[in-house]
C-alpha atoms as a PDB file:
ATOM      1  CA  UNK A   1      18.457 -66.673  75.321  1.00  0.00           C
ATOM      2  CA  UNK A   2      18.626 -63.639  73.081  1.00  0.00           C
ATOM      3  CA  UNK A   3      17.807 -60.458  75.006  1.00  0.00           C
ATOM      4  CA  UNK A   4      18.530 -58.097  72.108  1.00  0.00           C
ATOM      5  CA  UNK A   5      14.830 -58.135  71.224  1.00  0.00           C
ATOM      6  CA  UNK A   6      12.252 -58.386  73.999  1.00  0.00           C
ATOM      7  CA  UNK A   7       9.116 -59.929  72.556  1.00  0.00           C
ATOM      8  CA  UNK A   8       6.312 -62.286  73.562  1.00  0.00           C
ATOM      9  CA  UNK A   9       8.334 -65.337  72.548  1.00  0.00           C
ATOM     10  CA  UNK A  10      11.219 -64.394  74.846  1.00  0.00           C
ATOM     11  CA  UNK A  11       8.896 -63.544  77.741  1.00  0.00           C
ATOM     12  CA  UNK A  12       6.965 -66.799  77.312  1.00  0.00           C
ATOM     13  CA  UNK A  13      10.117 -68.922  77.101  1.00  0.00           C
ATOM     14  CA  UNK A  14      11.716 -67.294  80.142  1.00  0.00           C
ATOM     15  CA  UNK A  15       8.491 -67.519  82.165  1.00  0.00           C
ATOM     16  CA  UNK A  16       8.110 -71.206  81.330  1.00  0.00           C
ATOM     17  CA  UNK A  17      11.708 -71.942  82.320  1.00  0.00           C
ATOM     18  CA  UNK A  18      11.278 -70.087  85.605  1.00  0.00           C
ATOM     19  CA  UNK A  19       8.015 -71.916  86.341  1.00  0.00           C
ATOM     20  CA  UNK A  20       9.976 -75.150  86.012  1.00  0.00           C
ATOM     21  CA  UNK A  21      13.067 -73.834  87.812  1.00  0.00           C
ATOM     22  CA  UNK A  22      11.417 -71.767  90.554  1.00  0.00           C
ATOM     23  CA  UNK A  23       7.773 -72.810  90.434  1.00  0.00           C
ATOM     24  CA  UNK A  24       5.927 -74.885  93.040  1.00  0.00           C
ATOM     25  CA  UNK A  25       5.640 -78.265  91.289  1.00  0.00           C
ATOM     26  CA  UNK A  26       8.994 -79.873  92.104  1.00  0.00           C
ATOM     27  CA  UNK A  27       8.906 -78.658  95.720  1.00  0.00           C
ATOM     28  CA  UNK A  28       5.278 -79.625  96.360  1.00  0.00           C
ATOM     29  CA  UNK A  29       5.650 -83.289  97.329  1.00  0.00           C
ATOM     30  CA  UNK A  30       8.859 -82.765  99.356  1.00  0.00           C
ATOM     31  CA  UNK A  31       7.140 -79.891 101.177  1.00  0.00           C
ATOM     32  CA  UNK A  32       4.152 -82.079 102.078  1.00  0.00           C
ATOM     33  CA  UNK A  33       6.448 -84.868 103.265  1.00  0.00           C
ATOM     34  CA  UNK A  34       8.764 -82.647 105.315  1.00  0.00           C
ATOM     35  CA  UNK A  35       5.987 -80.647 106.984  1.00  0.00           C
ATOM     36  CA  UNK A  36       3.316 -83.307 107.577  1.00  0.00           C
ATOM     37  CA  UNK A  37       3.818 -83.245 111.368  1.00  0.00           C
ATOM     38  CA  UNK A  38       3.484 -79.470 111.732  1.00  0.00           C
ATOM     39  CA  UNK A  39       0.355 -77.417 112.315  1.00  0.00           C
ATOM     40  CA  UNK A  40      -1.108 -75.071 109.716  1.00  0.00           C
ATOM     41  CA  UNK A  41       0.562 -71.956 111.102  1.00  0.00           C
ATOM     42  CA  UNK A  42       4.003 -73.584 111.149  1.00  0.00           C
ATOM     43  CA  UNK A  43       3.550 -74.896 107.600  1.00  0.00           C
ATOM     44  CA  UNK A  44       2.675 -71.395 106.413  1.00  0.00           C
ATOM     45  CA  UNK A  45       5.743 -70.001 108.212  1.00  0.00           C
ATOM     46  CA  UNK A  46       7.976 -72.619 106.585  1.00  0.00           C
ATOM     47  CA  UNK A  47       6.405 -71.808 103.223  1.00  0.00           C
ATOM     48  CA  UNK A  48       7.037 -68.075 103.616  1.00  0.00           C
ATOM     49  CA  UNK A  49      10.672 -68.597 104.593  1.00  0.00           C
ATOM     50  CA  UNK A  50      11.219 -71.144 101.830  1.00  0.00           C
ATOM     51  CA  UNK A  51       9.885 -68.794  99.156  1.00  0.00           C
ATOM     52  CA  UNK A  52      11.817 -65.821 100.552  1.00  0.00           C
ATOM     53  CA  UNK A  53      15.112 -67.742 100.590  1.00  0.00           C
ATOM     54  CA  UNK A  54      14.569 -69.129  97.072  1.00  0.00           C
ATOM     55  CA  UNK A  55      13.619 -65.764  95.537  1.00  0.00           C
ATOM     56  CA  UNK A  56      16.426 -63.842  97.277  1.00  0.00           C
ATOM     57  CA  UNK A  57      18.929 -66.511  96.220  1.00  0.00           C
ATOM     58  CA  UNK A  58      17.697 -66.293  92.621  1.00  0.00           C
ATOM     59  CA  UNK A  59      18.044 -62.498  92.640  1.00  0.00           C
ATOM     60  CA  UNK A  60      21.554 -62.699  94.118  1.00  0.00           C
ATOM     61  CA  UNK A  61      22.575 -65.256  91.490  1.00  0.00           C
ATOM     62  CA  UNK A  62      21.174 -63.014  88.772  1.00  0.00           C
ATOM     63  CA  UNK A  63      23.083 -60.023  90.139  1.00  0.00           C
ATOM     64  CA  UNK A  64      26.360 -61.910  90.477  1.00  0.00           C
ATOM     65  CA  UNK A  65      26.109 -64.750  87.950  1.00  0.00           C
ATOM     66  CA  UNK A  66      28.033 -63.041  85.155  1.00  0.00           C
ATOM     67  CA  UNK A  67      30.797 -62.045  87.571  1.00  0.00           C
ATOM     68  CA  UNK A  68      30.996 -65.558  89.025  1.00  0.00           C
ATOM     69  CA  UNK A  69      31.348 -67.060  85.553  1.00  0.00           C
ATOM     70  CA  UNK A  70      34.203 -64.673  84.760  1.00  0.00           C
ATOM     71  CA  UNK A  71      35.970 -65.276  88.069  1.00  0.00           C
ATOM     72  CA  UNK A  72      35.664 -69.060  87.789  1.00  0.00           C
ATOM     73  CA  UNK A  73      36.416 -69.035  84.043  1.00  0.00           C
ATOM     74  CA  UNK A  74      33.277 -71.019  83.182  1.00  0.00           C
ATOM     75  CA  UNK A  75      30.837 -70.533  80.343  1.00  0.00           C
ATOM     76  CA  UNK A  76      27.086 -70.676  80.023  1.00  0.00           C
ATOM     77  CA  UNK A  77      27.492 -74.020  78.298  1.00  0.00           C
ATOM     78  CA  UNK A  78      29.316 -75.478  81.286  1.00  0.00           C
ATOM     79  CA  UNK A  79      26.612 -74.142  83.628  1.00  0.00           C
ATOM     80  CA  UNK A  80      23.925 -75.733  81.440  1.00  0.00           C
ATOM     81  CA  UNK A  81      25.650 -79.128  81.466  1.00  0.00           C
ATOM     82  CA  UNK A  82      26.164 -79.032  85.244  1.00  0.00           C
ATOM     83  CA  UNK A  83      22.568 -77.969  85.830  1.00  0.00           C
ATOM     84  CA  UNK A  84      21.308 -80.698  83.521  1.00  0.00           C
ATOM     85  CA  UNK A  85      23.231 -83.400  85.369  1.00  0.00           C
ATOM     86  CA  UNK A  86      21.930 -82.349  88.800  1.00  0.00           C
ATOM     87  CA  UNK A  87      18.386 -81.937  87.469  1.00  0.00           C
ATOM     88  CA  UNK A  88      18.560 -85.423  85.938  1.00  0.00           C
ATOM     89  CA  UNK A  89      19.342 -86.911  89.352  1.00  0.00           C
ATOM     90  CA  UNK A  90      16.305 -85.189  90.896  1.00  0.00           C
ATOM     91  CA  UNK A  91      14.038 -85.963  87.927  1.00  0.00           C
ATOM     92  CA  UNK A  92      14.943 -89.655  87.778  1.00  0.00           C
ATOM     93  CA  UNK A  93      14.094 -89.974  91.457  1.00  0.00           C
ATOM     94  CA  UNK A  94      10.716 -88.341  90.787  1.00  0.00           C
ATOM     95  CA  UNK A  95      10.056 -90.522  87.739  1.00  0.00           C
ATOM     96  CA  UNK A  96      10.867 -93.685  89.696  1.00  0.00           C
ATOM     97  CA  UNK A  97       7.907 -93.101  91.981  1.00  0.00           C
ATOM     98  CA  UNK A  98       7.829 -93.488  95.762  1.00  0.00           C
ATOM     99  CA  UNK A  99      10.348 -96.147  96.778  1.00  0.00           C
ATOM    100  CA  UNK A 100      10.986 -94.978 100.322  1.00  0.00           C
ATOM    101  CA  UNK A 101       8.828 -94.363 103.343  1.00  0.00           C
ATOM    102  CA  UNK A 102       7.316 -90.900 102.876  1.00  0.00           C
ATOM    103  CA  UNK A 103       8.144 -89.637 106.361  1.00  0.00           C
ATOM    104  CA  UNK A 104      11.209 -89.546 108.500  1.00  0.00           C
ATOM    105  CA  UNK A 105      10.738 -92.056 111.300  1.00  0.00           C
ATOM    106  CA  UNK A 106      14.047 -91.523 113.105  1.00  0.00           C
ATOM    107  CA  UNK A 107      12.235 -89.775 115.924  1.00  0.00           C
ATOM    108  CA  UNK A 108      14.631 -86.833 115.864  1.00  0.00           C
ATOM    109  CA  UNK A 109      13.027 -83.373 116.069  1.00  0.00           C
ATOM    110  CA  UNK A 110      12.885 -81.462 112.801  1.00  0.00           C
ATOM    111  CA  UNK A 111      13.907 -77.802 112.791  1.00  0.00           C
ATOM    112  CA  UNK A 112      11.416 -75.846 110.621  1.00  0.00           C
ATOM    113  CA  UNK A 113      13.967 -73.082 110.024  1.00  0.00           C
ATOM    114  CA  UNK A 114      16.539 -75.496 108.636  1.00  0.00           C
ATOM    115  CA  UNK A 115      14.265 -77.517 106.345  1.00  0.00           C
ATOM    116  CA  UNK A 116      12.793 -74.303 104.945  1.00  0.00           C
ATOM    117  CA  UNK A 117      16.261 -73.379 103.671  1.00  0.00           C
ATOM    118  CA  UNK A 118      17.551 -76.853 102.802  1.00  0.00           C
ATOM    119  CA  UNK A 119      16.312 -78.904 101.085  1.00  0.00           C
ATOM    120  CA  UNK A 120      13.020 -77.068 100.453  1.00  0.00           C
ATOM    121  CA  UNK A 121      14.219 -73.633  99.245  1.00  0.00           C
ATOM    122  CA  UNK A 122      17.286 -75.095  97.518  1.00  0.00           C
ATOM    123  CA  UNK A 123      17.403 -77.421  95.621  1.00  0.00           C
ATOM    124  CA  UNK A 124      13.648 -78.145  95.413  1.00  0.00           C
ATOM    125  CA  UNK A 125      12.002 -74.738  94.960  1.00  0.00           C
ATOM    126  CA  UNK A 126      14.986 -73.052  93.320  1.00  0.00           C
ATOM    127  CA  UNK A 127      16.137 -76.149  91.474  1.00  0.00           C
ATOM    128  CA  UNK A 128      18.968 -76.699  88.956  1.00  0.00           C
ATOM    129  CA  UNK A 129      16.843 -75.401  86.052  1.00  0.00           C
ATOM    130  CA  UNK A 130      16.199 -72.133  87.872  1.00  0.00           C
ATOM    131  CA  UNK A 131      19.816 -71.748  88.952  1.00  0.00           C
ATOM    132  CA  UNK A 132      21.034 -72.442  85.410  1.00  0.00           C
ATOM    133  CA  UNK A 133      18.538 -70.070  83.763  1.00  0.00           C
ATOM    134  CA  UNK A 134      19.258 -67.238  86.199  1.00  0.00           C
ATOM    135  CA  UNK A 135      23.054 -67.516  85.897  1.00  0.00           C
ATOM    136  CA  UNK A 136      22.971 -67.736  82.105  1.00  0.00           C
ATOM    137  CA  UNK A 137      20.509 -64.829  81.922  1.00  0.00           C
ATOM    138  CA  UNK A 138      22.869 -62.795  84.112  1.00  0.00           C
ATOM    139  CA  UNK A 139      25.598 -63.169  81.527  1.00  0.00           C
ATOM    140  CA  UNK A 140      23.356 -62.482  78.524  1.00  0.00           C
ATOM    141  CA  UNK A 141      21.218 -59.470  79.499  1.00  0.00           C
ATOM    142  CA  UNK A 142      22.127 -56.505  77.343  1.00  0.00           C
ATOM    143  CA  UNK A 143      20.058 -53.662  78.765  1.00  0.00           C
ATOM    144  CA  UNK A 144      18.286 -52.360  81.847  1.00  0.00           C
ATOM    145  CA  UNK A 145      14.968 -53.391  80.287  1.00  0.00           C
ATOM    146  CA  UNK A 146      16.093 -56.998  79.870  1.00  0.00           C
ATOM    147  CA  UNK A 147      17.374 -57.070  83.461  1.00  0.00           C
ATOM    148  CA  UNK A 148      14.063 -55.694  84.723  1.00  0.00           C
ATOM    149  CA  UNK A 149      12.257 -58.375  82.703  1.00  0.00           C
ATOM    150  CA  UNK A 150      14.198 -61.190  84.385  1.00  0.00           C
ATOM    151  CA  UNK A 151      13.760 -59.678  87.864  1.00  0.00           C
ATOM    152  CA  UNK A 152      10.057 -59.086  87.265  1.00  0.00           C
ATOM    153  CA  UNK A 153       9.445 -62.677  86.153  1.00  0.00           C
ATOM    154  CA  UNK A 154      11.368 -64.023  89.161  1.00  0.00           C
ATOM    155  CA  UNK A 155       9.123 -61.956  91.452  1.00  0.00           C
ATOM    156  CA  UNK A 156       5.948 -63.071  89.635  1.00  0.00           C
ATOM    157  CA  UNK A 157       6.854 -66.747  89.995  1.00  0.00           C
ATOM    158  CA  UNK A 158       7.829 -66.083  93.605  1.00  0.00           C
ATOM    159  CA  UNK A 159       4.379 -64.568  94.237  1.00  0.00           C
ATOM    160  CA  UNK A 160       2.771 -67.729  92.841  1.00  0.00           C
ATOM    161  CA  UNK A 161       4.941 -69.844  95.139  1.00  0.00           C
ATOM    162  CA  UNK A 162       3.904 -67.695  98.088  1.00  0.00           C
ATOM    163  CA  UNK A 163       0.209 -68.216  97.351  1.00  0.00           C
ATOM    164  CA  UNK A 164       0.671 -71.975  97.030  1.00  0.00           C
ATOM    165  CA  UNK A 165       2.864 -72.693 100.039  1.00  0.00           C
ATOM    166  CA  UNK A 166       1.168 -70.350 102.504  1.00  0.00           C
ATOM    167  CA  UNK A 167      -2.173 -71.997 101.710  1.00  0.00           C
ATOM    168  CA  UNK A 168      -0.868 -75.537 101.417  1.00  0.00           C
ATOM    169  CA  UNK A 169      -3.385 -77.156 103.805  1.00  0.00           C
ATOM    170  CA  UNK A 170      -6.339 -75.839 101.818  1.00  0.00           C
ATOM    171  CA  UNK A 171      -4.760 -77.093  98.593  1.00  0.00           C
ATOM    172  CA  UNK A 172      -3.753 -80.453 100.076  1.00  0.00           C
ATOM    173  CA  UNK A 173      -7.384 -81.230 100.911  1.00  0.00           C
ATOM    174  CA  UNK A 174      -8.185 -81.058  97.187  1.00  0.00           C
ATOM    175  CA  UNK A 175      -5.279 -83.306  96.173  1.00  0.00           C
ATOM    176  CA  UNK A 176      -5.801 -87.039  95.863  1.00  0.00           C
ATOM    177  CA  UNK A 177      -2.692 -89.030  96.842  1.00  0.00           C
ATOM    178  CA  UNK A 178      -2.940 -91.303  93.783  1.00  0.00           C
ATOM    179  CA  UNK A 179      -3.190 -88.422  91.322  1.00  0.00           C
ATOM    180  CA  UNK A 180      -0.348 -86.652  93.106  1.00  0.00           C
ATOM    181  CA  UNK A 181       1.916 -89.684  92.676  1.00  0.00           C
ATOM    182  CA  UNK A 182       0.976 -90.065  89.010  1.00  0.00           C
ATOM    183  CA  UNK A 183       1.629 -86.380  88.310  1.00  0.00           C
ATOM    184  CA  UNK A 184       4.969 -86.654  90.123  1.00  0.00           C
ATOM    185  CA  UNK A 185       6.058 -89.568  87.905  1.00  0.00           C
ATOM    186  CA  UNK A 186       4.894 -87.862  84.694  1.00  0.00           C
ATOM    187  CA  UNK A 187       6.552 -84.593  85.651  1.00  0.00           C
ATOM    188  CA  UNK A 188       9.714 -86.490  86.542  1.00  0.00           C
ATOM    189  CA  UNK A 189       9.856 -87.940  83.037  1.00  0.00           C
ATOM    190  CA  UNK A 190       9.327 -84.496  81.500  1.00  0.00           C
ATOM    191  CA  UNK A 191      12.023 -83.022  83.734  1.00  0.00           C
ATOM    192  CA  UNK A 192      14.417 -85.774  82.689  1.00  0.00           C
ATOM    193  CA  UNK A 193      13.847 -84.653  79.100  1.00  0.00           C
ATOM    194  CA  UNK A 194      14.501 -81.052  80.143  1.00  0.00           C
ATOM    195  CA  UNK A 195      17.725 -82.197  81.831  1.00  0.00           C
ATOM    196  CA  UNK A 196      18.846 -83.977  78.667  1.00  0.00           C
ATOM    197  CA  UNK A 197      18.065 -80.864  76.608  1.00  0.00           C
ATOM    198  CA  UNK A 198      20.091 -78.707  79.018  1.00  0.00           C
ATOM    199  CA  UNK A 199      23.055 -81.052  78.668  1.00  0.00           C
ATOM    200  CA  UNK A 200      22.753 -81.192  74.871  1.00  0.00           C
ATOM    201  CA  UNK A 201      22.435 -77.394  74.615  1.00  0.00           C
ATOM    202  CA  UNK A 202      25.414 -76.945  76.907  1.00  0.00           C
ATOM    203  CA  UNK A 203      27.527 -79.382  74.915  1.00  0.00           C
ATOM    204  CA  UNK A 204      26.528 -77.551  71.749  1.00  0.00           C
ATOM    205  CA  UNK A 205      27.553 -74.215  73.254  1.00  0.00           C
ATOM    206  CA  UNK A 206      30.896 -75.704  74.256  1.00  0.00           C
ATOM    207  CA  UNK A 207      31.461 -76.971  70.719  1.00  0.00           C
ATOM    208  CA  UNK A 208      31.626 -80.603  71.832  1.00  0.00           C
ATOM    209  CA  UNK A 209      28.724 -81.536  69.578  1.00  0.00           C
ATOM    210  CA  UNK A 210      27.465 -79.866  66.427  1.00  0.00           C
ATOM    211  CA  UNK A 211      25.245 -76.803  66.994  1.00  0.00           C
ATOM    212  CA  UNK A 212      22.391 -78.324  64.979  1.00  0.00           C
ATOM    213  CA  UNK A 213      22.195 -81.257  67.416  1.00  0.00           C
ATOM    214  CA  UNK A 214      21.910 -78.867  70.321  1.00  0.00           C
ATOM    215  CA  UNK A 215      18.600 -77.343  69.193  1.00  0.00           C
END
């Protein structure tokens, strides 16, 4: 990402990446599965906490990402490759379709506070794409305006998440299970492609493959 010039192309690209990396789609099905036994009020509470944790984590990573990369002696390319690998694991599972029973039948009580943080906030809502984008952006921002842009887009996507997950019962009534499964598989395939592109871009940045192959 080139933050030297802030234009519509940069804003659109960053917004799209954050919608994938922090938006509601990847977390939607896991949220429905993990919260199916709770009442509407509890689901909304889980949704609020999930969004809060994900957004605050993203902001902390943005504030500290550049420092962490320096301290750990890693580059943006290495972060991209690592993020791509983890995203590929999640995406392949999505693309494979439902192969397990959708609900936990162990009979053990589920703590809403815990599932809101893990796995719903991280790694489903703030997923490897979001973590990668935020950390790389932290190291590449060049001005206060570019930093404000990243923070503003994180908050906008977070507001969308809040609207979705605090009104999940109303939205779930309009979702057909078959179409939800199909969209999950299709999105999983697209995310696998995104994961591959992250890995290729990271390898290009590291000089392992030619730069032309990384674009």
